[in-house]
Protein backbone atom coordinates (compact mmCIF):
# COMPACT_ATOMS: atom_id res chain seq x y z
CA MET A 1 -20.62 1.01 -23.53
CA ALA A 2 -17.20 2.37 -22.60
CA GLN A 3 -14.78 0.15 -20.76
CA THR A 4 -13.73 1.58 -17.41
CA ILE A 5 -10.50 1.12 -15.50
CA PRO A 6 -9.71 2.04 -11.91
CA VAL A 7 -7.91 5.31 -11.28
CA VAL A 8 -5.26 5.15 -8.55
CA ASN A 9 -3.92 8.30 -6.92
CA ILE A 10 -0.46 6.88 -6.29
CA ASP A 11 0.48 9.55 -3.77
CA ALA A 12 -2.60 8.90 -1.64
CA ALA A 13 -2.16 5.12 -2.00
CA GLU A 14 1.49 5.28 -0.89
CA GLU A 15 0.56 7.43 2.09
CA GLU A 16 -2.21 5.02 3.07
CA ALA A 17 0.12 2.01 2.72
CA TYR A 18 2.75 3.71 4.89
CA GLU A 19 0.15 4.54 7.55
CA MET A 20 -1.20 0.99 7.52
CA GLY A 21 2.29 -0.36 8.22
CA TYR A 22 3.03 2.27 10.84
CA ASP A 23 -0.28 1.81 12.64
CA LYS A 24 0.09 -1.98 12.64
CA PHE A 25 3.35 -1.83 14.59
CA THR A 26 2.94 1.31 16.69
CA GLY A 27 3.97 0.46 20.24
CA VAL A 28 5.75 -2.75 19.26
CA ALA A 29 9.24 -1.23 19.53
CA ALA A 30 9.14 -1.31 23.32
CA ASP A 31 8.23 -5.01 23.27
CA VAL A 32 10.93 -6.11 20.84
CA GLU A 33 14.40 -7.01 22.03
CA GLY A 34 17.08 -6.65 19.40
CA ASP A 35 16.34 -5.72 15.81
CA PHE A 36 12.78 -5.39 14.56
CA ASP A 37 12.12 -7.88 11.75
CA LEU A 38 9.01 -8.42 9.62
CA GLU A 39 9.98 -11.89 8.38
CA HIS A 40 7.87 -13.77 10.92
CA PHE A 41 4.87 -11.47 10.36
CA ARG A 42 5.03 -11.96 6.56
CA ASP A 43 4.33 -15.67 7.17
CA SER A 44 1.23 -14.96 9.25
CA ALA A 45 -2.44 -15.30 8.39
CA ASP A 46 -2.92 -11.65 9.36
CA TYR A 47 -0.49 -10.58 6.64
CA ALA A 48 -2.00 -12.89 4.01
CA ASN A 49 -5.64 -12.26 4.89
CA ASN A 50 -5.61 -8.59 5.87
CA VAL A 51 -2.51 -6.66 4.83
CA LEU A 52 -2.01 -8.06 1.33
CA PRO A 53 -5.68 -7.80 0.26
CA SER A 54 -5.82 -4.20 1.50
CA LEU A 55 -2.68 -3.29 -0.43
CA ARG A 56 -3.90 -5.09 -3.55
CA ALA A 57 -7.17 -3.14 -3.35
CA LEU A 58 -5.21 0.14 -3.05
CA ALA A 59 -3.17 -0.85 -6.10
CA GLY A 60 -6.33 -1.37 -8.15
CA HIS A 61 -6.60 -5.15 -8.28
CA GLY A 62 -10.08 -6.48 -9.01
CA ASP A 63 -12.17 -8.61 -6.67
CA THR A 64 -14.30 -11.13 -8.52
CA GLY A 65 -15.26 -13.64 -5.86
CA PRO A 66 -13.03 -16.21 -4.17
CA GLY A 67 -9.78 -14.68 -3.01
CA THR A 68 -9.41 -11.08 -2.12
CA TYR A 69 -8.41 -8.54 -4.74
CA THR A 70 -6.38 -11.04 -6.71
CA VAL A 71 -7.22 -9.97 -10.28
CA ASP A 72 -4.36 -8.03 -11.81
CA ARG A 73 -5.63 -5.40 -14.22
CA GLU A 74 -4.76 -2.21 -15.97
CA VAL A 75 -5.13 1.00 -13.96
CA ALA A 76 -4.72 4.70 -14.62
CA VAL A 77 -2.23 6.30 -12.26
CA ILE A 78 -2.47 9.95 -11.23
CA GLU A 79 -0.68 12.04 -8.61
CA TYR A 80 -1.99 14.61 -6.10
CA HIS A 81 -1.26 17.55 -8.40
CA GLN A 82 -3.39 15.97 -11.17
CA VAL A 83 -6.53 15.34 -9.12
CA GLU A 84 -8.09 18.73 -9.86
CA ASP A 85 -7.12 18.75 -13.55
CA LEU A 86 -10.05 18.62 -15.96
CA PRO A 87 -9.55 16.29 -17.60
CA ALA A 88 -7.02 14.54 -15.41
CA GLU A 89 -4.53 12.51 -17.38
CA GLY A 90 -3.06 9.36 -15.94
CA GLU A 91 -0.45 6.86 -16.98
CA ARG A 92 -1.45 3.31 -17.77
CA ALA A 93 0.07 0.69 -15.49
CA GLU A 94 -0.61 -2.82 -14.27
CA ALA A 95 -1.88 -3.10 -10.72
CA HIS A 96 0.87 -5.56 -9.75
CA HIS A 97 3.52 -2.90 -10.48
CA LEU A 98 1.80 -0.51 -8.09
CA LEU A 99 1.51 -3.27 -5.50
CA THR A 100 5.30 -3.52 -5.40
CA GLU A 101 5.55 0.19 -4.57
CA LEU A 102 2.82 -0.05 -1.95
CA LEU A 103 4.47 -3.04 -0.28
CA GLU A 104 7.66 -1.02 0.03
CA MET A 105 5.78 1.90 1.60
CA TRP A 106 3.93 -0.43 3.99
CA GLU A 107 7.26 -1.89 5.09
CA ARG A 108 8.78 1.57 5.57
CA GLY A 109 5.88 2.46 7.85
CA ALA A 110 6.15 -0.84 9.70
CA TYR A 111 9.89 -0.45 10.24
CA ASP A 112 9.54 3.19 11.34
CA ALA A 113 7.01 2.16 13.99
CA GLY A 114 8.75 -1.09 14.94
CA GLU A 115 12.06 0.67 15.41
CA GLY A 116 10.47 3.49 17.40
CA ARG A 117 10.86 6.32 14.88
CA GLU A 118 8.44 9.21 14.44
CA LYS A 119 5.73 8.80 11.83
CA TYR A 120 6.88 9.94 8.39
CA SER A 121 10.52 10.20 9.46
CA GLY A 122 12.50 10.39 6.26
CA VAL A 123 9.42 10.07 4.01
CA ASP A 124 8.15 12.87 1.78
CA PHE A 125 4.61 12.77 0.49
């Protein structure tokens, strides 16, 4: 039997991560005095139990029981323009490397919303 690995469309995953961050903090800008900062939120149960597992799942981490998507594994990475290719060729990567990129996109979305900017301002997908 052939061994399978998850295929991650990095463009779609980055867009989803950005939208998750943006949606989480939409409307917060009016409630925040001074500079918007994620530091306090990163220490919250919501971040640990909801945001991080969702981003790890997008990055291709495995879920084998206790914990949520905590198993780092090899993934195949493709981009939007490769989705329709037959066969599509992807690059091998470790899920934790993709997680780093997705965390950055989530934060960009969160800061755009938290600082009252339009969705996708300064981001090209």
